[in-house]
Amino acid sequence: MTVRRTRRLGALLLLGLLSLAGPSSAQQQAVSPSFFDDFSELDYTRWSVSDGWANGDHQNCGWSKEEVAVWGGMLRIGFSVNQAAEGRSHRCGELHTHQAFTYGIFEARIKTPPHASGLNAAFFTYGGPPIGPVHDEIDFEILLKDPSRVQTAGYVNAQEVPLATPALPQPADLAFTDYAFVWEPGRVTYYVNRTPVYTLAHPNPTPSHPQSIFFNLWSSDVRIEWMGPFQAPGQPLSMEVDWVGYTALGERCRFPHSITC
């Protein structure tokens, strides 16, 4: 911190002592990781866009910044038939928060592309390499072979946890749907449109390490049993995210759409 020069040496010394003492308790309480983003613009201080690489051989698309955009007050994550990184024949989009979060309420309002076998539209948290040393993950995944259901899943220390595939109140591509999960010590509860649809808890392990928030839309031509046989879409596709929010445990109603209100 830079302090302006002053003739009042006493005031300068007092300011230095206060700086050494650190922030007051009131200032500490005011600092919260909670946030709400309505995507009026793409805030690069919050978000990092994946570009120029692919996750692995299971993925037949490469991440491209060209497939991530904000317009019309909406985050749009695309998929298209374009040559991409690492020799992939398709381009796909992904972004994630710079910050990793711990226990709290994670929420987003999403509309997916229509039926498209072999594609996955996802809202999830992830904390493994290179973000952190331990692969913990909490997932909402809409496998576009069947947009009438959502897969609630995850990982703890790189091991898959039991999952569920609850039916959605309406297919994910027909209207926006609110997805949320409440992550507490020893428990993760998943919600769709404010209704609990699945709970992961004892005796199953639950995540305990900080994780970043991700959105992506990607494809595979080898994960056939899980995602269905890949069928190249005849036109570009787009996953739309109206808003996303995180509320730290113990806080409530940081934005009007939250399930905590």
Protein backbone atom coordinates (compact mmCIF):
# COMPACT_ATOMS: atom_id res chain seq x y z
CA MET A 1 0.00 0.00 0.00
CA THR A 2 1.29 3.46 -0.94
CA VAL A 3 0.89 6.27 1.58
CA ARG A 4 0.89 9.90 0.41
CA ARG A 5 3.62 12.08 1.85
CA THR A 6 2.56 14.29 4.74
CA ARG A 7 4.16 16.79 7.07
CA ARG A 8 2.40 15.21 9.99
CA LEU A 9 4.86 12.55 11.03
CA GLY A 10 2.66 11.46 13.92
CA ALA A 11 -0.24 10.73 11.61
CA LEU A 12 2.01 8.78 9.29
CA LEU A 13 3.34 6.66 12.15
CA LEU A 14 -0.19 5.98 13.36
CA LEU A 15 -1.26 4.92 9.87
CA GLY A 16 1.70 2.54 9.70
CA LEU A 17 0.78 0.98 13.03
CA LEU A 18 -2.81 0.49 11.91
CA SER A 19 -1.61 -1.16 8.70
CA LEU A 20 0.56 -3.56 10.67
CA ALA A 21 -2.41 -4.42 12.86
CA GLY A 22 -4.32 -5.64 9.79
CA PRO A 23 -7.98 -5.09 8.92
CA SER A 24 -10.49 -4.48 11.68
CA SER A 25 -12.97 -7.17 12.68
CA ALA A 26 -15.73 -5.19 10.91
CA GLN A 27 -13.67 -5.15 7.69
CA GLN A 28 -13.00 -8.89 7.97
CA GLN A 29 -16.72 -9.61 8.39
CA ALA A 30 -17.49 -7.49 5.31
CA VAL A 31 -15.31 -9.68 3.07
CA SER A 32 -17.34 -12.55 1.60
CA PRO A 33 -16.72 -14.84 -1.37
CA SER A 34 -20.45 -14.81 -2.20
CA PHE A 35 -21.33 -13.38 -5.62
CA PHE A 36 -24.05 -13.08 -8.24
CA ASP A 37 -23.35 -12.71 -11.97
CA ASP A 38 -26.16 -11.90 -14.42
CA PHE A 39 -23.77 -11.86 -17.39
CA SER A 40 -24.42 -8.30 -18.45
CA GLU A 41 -20.79 -8.66 -19.52
CA LEU A 42 -18.08 -11.28 -19.28
CA ASP A 43 -16.05 -10.40 -16.20
CA TYR A 44 -12.54 -11.67 -16.88
CA THR A 45 -11.50 -10.86 -13.32
CA ARG A 46 -13.89 -13.64 -12.27
CA TRP A 47 -13.85 -16.03 -15.24
CA SER A 48 -11.15 -17.84 -17.20
CA VAL A 49 -12.03 -19.14 -20.69
CA SER A 50 -10.50 -22.43 -21.84
CA ASP A 51 -8.75 -22.12 -25.20
CA GLY A 52 -6.36 -24.12 -27.37
CA TRP A 53 -6.44 -27.56 -25.74
CA ALA A 54 -8.65 -30.58 -25.03
CA ASN A 55 -9.26 -32.69 -21.94
CA GLY A 56 -8.16 -36.05 -23.32
CA ASP A 57 -8.65 -38.68 -26.00
CA HIS A 58 -12.26 -39.22 -24.93
CA GLN A 59 -13.13 -35.71 -26.14
CA ASN A 60 -13.54 -35.15 -29.88
CA CYS A 61 -13.72 -31.36 -29.56
CA GLY A 62 -11.15 -28.77 -28.54
CA TRP A 63 -11.79 -25.84 -26.22
CA SER A 64 -12.00 -22.53 -28.07
CA LYS A 65 -12.54 -19.00 -26.79
CA GLU A 66 -14.62 -18.45 -29.93
CA GLU A 67 -17.30 -20.65 -28.36
CA VAL A 68 -17.75 -18.49 -25.25
CA ALA A 69 -19.56 -15.16 -25.49
CA VAL A 70 -21.91 -12.86 -23.62
CA TRP A 71 -24.64 -11.03 -25.49
CA GLY A 72 -28.27 -10.21 -24.84
CA GLY A 73 -27.64 -10.49 -21.10
CA MET A 74 -26.79 -14.15 -21.45
CA LEU A 75 -23.69 -16.33 -21.29
CA ARG A 76 -23.61 -18.51 -24.41
CA ILE A 77 -21.36 -21.56 -24.56
CA GLY A 78 -21.16 -22.98 -28.06
CA PHE A 79 -20.38 -26.10 -30.02
CA SER A 80 -19.65 -26.12 -33.76
CA VAL A 81 -18.16 -28.16 -36.58
CA ASN A 82 -14.84 -26.34 -36.87
CA GLN A 83 -11.27 -27.55 -36.71
CA ALA A 84 -9.93 -27.05 -33.22
CA ALA A 85 -6.87 -27.59 -31.05
CA GLU A 86 -5.04 -30.93 -30.96
CA GLY A 87 -6.51 -31.99 -34.30
CA ARG A 88 -10.10 -32.16 -33.04
CA SER A 89 -12.83 -31.91 -35.65
CA HIS A 90 -15.17 -29.85 -33.49
CA ARG A 91 -14.97 -26.73 -31.35
CA CYS A 92 -16.48 -26.55 -27.85
CA GLY A 93 -16.71 -23.99 -25.05
CA GLU A 94 -15.78 -23.88 -21.39
CA LEU A 95 -15.12 -21.31 -18.67
CA HIS A 96 -14.48 -21.45 -14.94
CA THR A 97 -13.96 -19.11 -12.02
CA HIS A 98 -10.46 -18.10 -11.04
CA GLN A 99 -11.49 -18.47 -7.41
CA ALA A 100 -12.07 -21.80 -5.72
CA PHE A 101 -14.96 -21.98 -3.25
CA THR A 102 -15.79 -24.15 -0.26
CA TYR A 103 -19.07 -25.02 1.44
CA GLY A 104 -22.09 -23.04 0.30
CA ILE A 105 -24.96 -22.83 -2.18
CA PHE A 106 -24.16 -22.95 -5.90
CA GLU A 107 -26.95 -21.93 -8.30
CA ALA A 108 -27.46 -21.28 -12.00
CA ARG A 109 -30.29 -20.83 -14.49
CA ILE A 110 -29.61 -22.75 -17.70
CA LYS A 111 -31.17 -23.75 -21.01
CA THR A 112 -29.45 -26.43 -23.09
CA PRO A 113 -29.34 -27.13 -26.82
CA PRO A 114 -31.94 -29.63 -28.12
CA HIS A 115 -31.43 -33.38 -28.37
CA ALA A 116 -27.89 -34.10 -29.57
CA SER A 117 -26.51 -37.56 -28.89
CA GLY A 118 -22.89 -37.60 -27.76
CA LEU A 119 -22.92 -34.12 -26.16
CA ASN A 120 -22.83 -33.04 -22.52
CA ALA A 121 -23.99 -29.65 -21.15
CA ALA A 122 -22.63 -29.21 -17.64
CA PHE A 123 -22.67 -26.93 -14.58
CA PHE A 124 -20.29 -28.22 -11.94
CA THR A 125 -17.48 -27.53 -9.50
CA TYR A 126 -14.02 -29.05 -9.74
CA GLY A 127 -10.94 -28.82 -7.56
CA GLY A 128 -8.39 -31.24 -8.99
CA PRO A 129 -5.14 -30.48 -10.87
CA PRO A 130 -4.19 -27.85 -11.88
CA ILE A 131 -6.60 -26.01 -9.55
CA GLY A 132 -5.75 -28.05 -6.47
CA PRO A 133 -4.06 -31.30 -5.45
CA VAL A 134 -7.23 -33.34 -4.82
CA HIS A 135 -9.85 -34.22 -7.44
CA ASP A 136 -13.16 -33.37 -5.77
CA GLU A 137 -16.14 -32.56 -8.00
CA ILE A 138 -19.88 -31.85 -7.77
CA ASP A 139 -21.83 -32.15 -11.03
CA PHE A 140 -25.00 -31.30 -12.85
CA GLU A 141 -24.71 -32.88 -16.31
CA ILE A 142 -27.42 -32.86 -18.96
CA LEU A 143 -26.58 -35.59 -21.45
CA LEU A 144 -28.21 -34.29 -24.62
CA LYS A 145 -29.13 -37.78 -25.76
CA ASP A 146 -32.01 -37.25 -23.29
CA PRO A 147 -32.62 -33.63 -22.21
CA SER A 148 -35.56 -34.76 -20.04
CA ARG A 149 -33.17 -35.80 -17.26
CA VAL A 150 -30.17 -34.39 -15.39
CA GLN A 151 -27.32 -36.42 -13.95
CA THR A 152 -26.29 -35.50 -10.40
CA ALA A 153 -22.83 -36.89 -9.79
CA GLY A 154 -19.33 -36.12 -8.56
CA TYR A 155 -15.95 -37.29 -7.33
CA VAL A 156 -14.24 -37.47 -3.96
CA ASN A 157 -10.48 -37.89 -4.05
CA ALA A 158 -10.73 -38.93 -7.73
CA GLN A 159 -13.28 -41.67 -6.96
CA GLU A 160 -16.79 -41.51 -8.38
CA VAL A 161 -19.64 -41.18 -5.90
CA PRO A 162 -23.13 -42.69 -6.36
CA LEU A 163 -25.18 -40.71 -8.86
CA ALA A 164 -28.81 -40.18 -9.74
CA THR A 165 -30.63 -39.17 -12.93
CA PRO A 166 -33.84 -37.44 -11.81
CA ALA A 167 -36.41 -36.39 -14.39
CA LEU A 168 -36.67 -32.66 -15.05
CA PRO A 169 -40.02 -30.85 -14.76
CA GLN A 170 -39.64 -30.09 -18.47
CA PRO A 171 -36.93 -30.98 -20.99
CA ALA A 172 -33.81 -28.87 -20.45
CA ASP A 173 -33.89 -27.49 -23.99
CA LEU A 174 -37.49 -26.21 -23.90
CA ALA A 175 -37.18 -23.64 -21.12
CA PHE A 176 -34.74 -22.28 -18.57
CA THR A 177 -34.32 -24.44 -15.48
CA ASP A 178 -32.85 -23.49 -12.10
CA TYR A 179 -30.17 -25.86 -10.81
CA ALA A 180 -28.68 -25.60 -7.33
CA PHE A 181 -26.71 -27.66 -4.87
CA VAL A 182 -26.10 -27.04 -1.20
CA TRP A 183 -22.65 -28.27 -0.21
CA GLU A 184 -22.20 -28.78 3.52
CA PRO A 185 -19.69 -30.82 5.54
CA GLY A 186 -20.77 -34.42 5.01
CA ARG A 187 -23.69 -33.64 2.68
CA VAL A 188 -24.53 -32.41 -0.84
CA THR A 189 -28.19 -31.75 -1.68
CA TYR A 190 -29.17 -31.15 -5.32
CA TYR A 191 -32.17 -29.00 -6.30
CA VAL A 192 -34.07 -28.45 -9.54
CA ASN A 193 -36.42 -25.45 -9.58
CA ARG A 194 -36.11 -25.23 -5.78
CA THR A 195 -37.15 -28.87 -5.29
CA PRO A 196 -34.62 -31.31 -3.77
CA VAL A 197 -34.00 -34.19 -6.18
CA TYR A 198 -31.02 -36.04 -4.67
CA THR A 199 -28.86 -36.06 -1.55
CA LEU A 200 -25.34 -37.44 -1.21
CA ALA A 201 -24.45 -38.12 2.44
CA HIS A 202 -23.12 -40.73 4.90
CA PRO A 203 -22.15 -43.52 4.44
CA ASN A 204 -20.93 -42.14 1.10
CA PRO A 205 -17.93 -39.78 1.10
CA THR A 206 -18.53 -36.14 0.20
CA PRO A 207 -16.17 -33.46 -1.18
CA SER A 208 -14.20 -31.36 1.28
CA HIS A 209 -11.66 -29.42 -0.83
CA PRO A 210 -12.09 -26.00 -2.51
CA GLN A 211 -13.46 -26.07 -6.05
CA SER A 212 -13.92 -23.66 -8.96
CA ILE A 213 -17.26 -23.22 -10.75
CA PHE A 214 -17.39 -24.50 -14.34
CA PHE A 215 -19.75 -24.38 -17.31
CA ASN A 216 -19.03 -26.34 -20.47
CA LEU A 217 -20.54 -27.97 -23.55
CA TRP A 218 -18.49 -30.81 -25.03
CA SER A 219 -18.69 -34.03 -27.06
CA SER A 220 -17.29 -37.53 -27.22
CA ASP A 221 -17.36 -40.23 -29.90
CA VAL A 222 -16.04 -42.96 -27.57
CA ARG A 223 -18.15 -42.55 -24.39
CA ILE A 224 -21.06 -44.17 -26.23
CA GLU A 225 -22.58 -46.12 -23.33
CA TRP A 226 -22.74 -42.98 -21.20
CA MET A 227 -23.36 -40.15 -23.68
CA GLY A 228 -24.83 -42.04 -26.64
CA PRO A 229 -23.35 -42.39 -30.15
CA PHE A 230 -21.99 -39.09 -31.36
CA GLN A 231 -23.97 -37.43 -34.12
CA ALA A 232 -22.46 -34.26 -35.55
CA PRO A 233 -25.08 -31.49 -35.38
CA GLY A 234 -26.03 -29.87 -38.64
CA GLN A 235 -25.69 -26.38 -37.17
CA PRO A 236 -23.90 -24.61 -34.29
CA LEU A 237 -25.36 -25.28 -30.84
CA SER A 238 -25.47 -23.07 -27.78
CA MET A 239 -25.96 -23.61 -24.05
CA GLU A 240 -27.41 -20.46 -22.43
CA VAL A 241 -26.74 -19.39 -18.85
CA ASP A 242 -28.98 -16.60 -17.57
CA TRP A 243 -27.19 -16.17 -14.22
CA VAL A 244 -25.03 -17.90 -11.65
CA GLY A 245 -24.55 -17.28 -7.94
CA TYR A 246 -22.65 -18.57 -4.94
CA THR A 247 -23.74 -18.01 -1.34
CA ALA A 248 -21.39 -18.93 1.50
CA LEU A 249 -22.84 -21.04 4.29
CA GLY A 250 -24.43 -18.88 6.96
CA GLU A 251 -25.48 -16.18 4.50
CA ARG A 252 -28.92 -15.79 2.96
CA CYS A 253 -30.66 -14.09 0.05
CA ARG A 254 -27.62 -12.50 -1.57
CA PHE A 255 -29.67 -12.29 -4.79
CA PRO A 256 -33.46 -12.53 -5.33
CA HIS A 257 -33.40 -15.80 -7.31
CA SER A 258 -31.60 -17.77 -4.59
CA ILE A 259 -33.17 -20.79 -2.91
CA THR A 260 -32.00 -19.23 0.38
CA CYS A 261 -34.59 -16.42 0.07
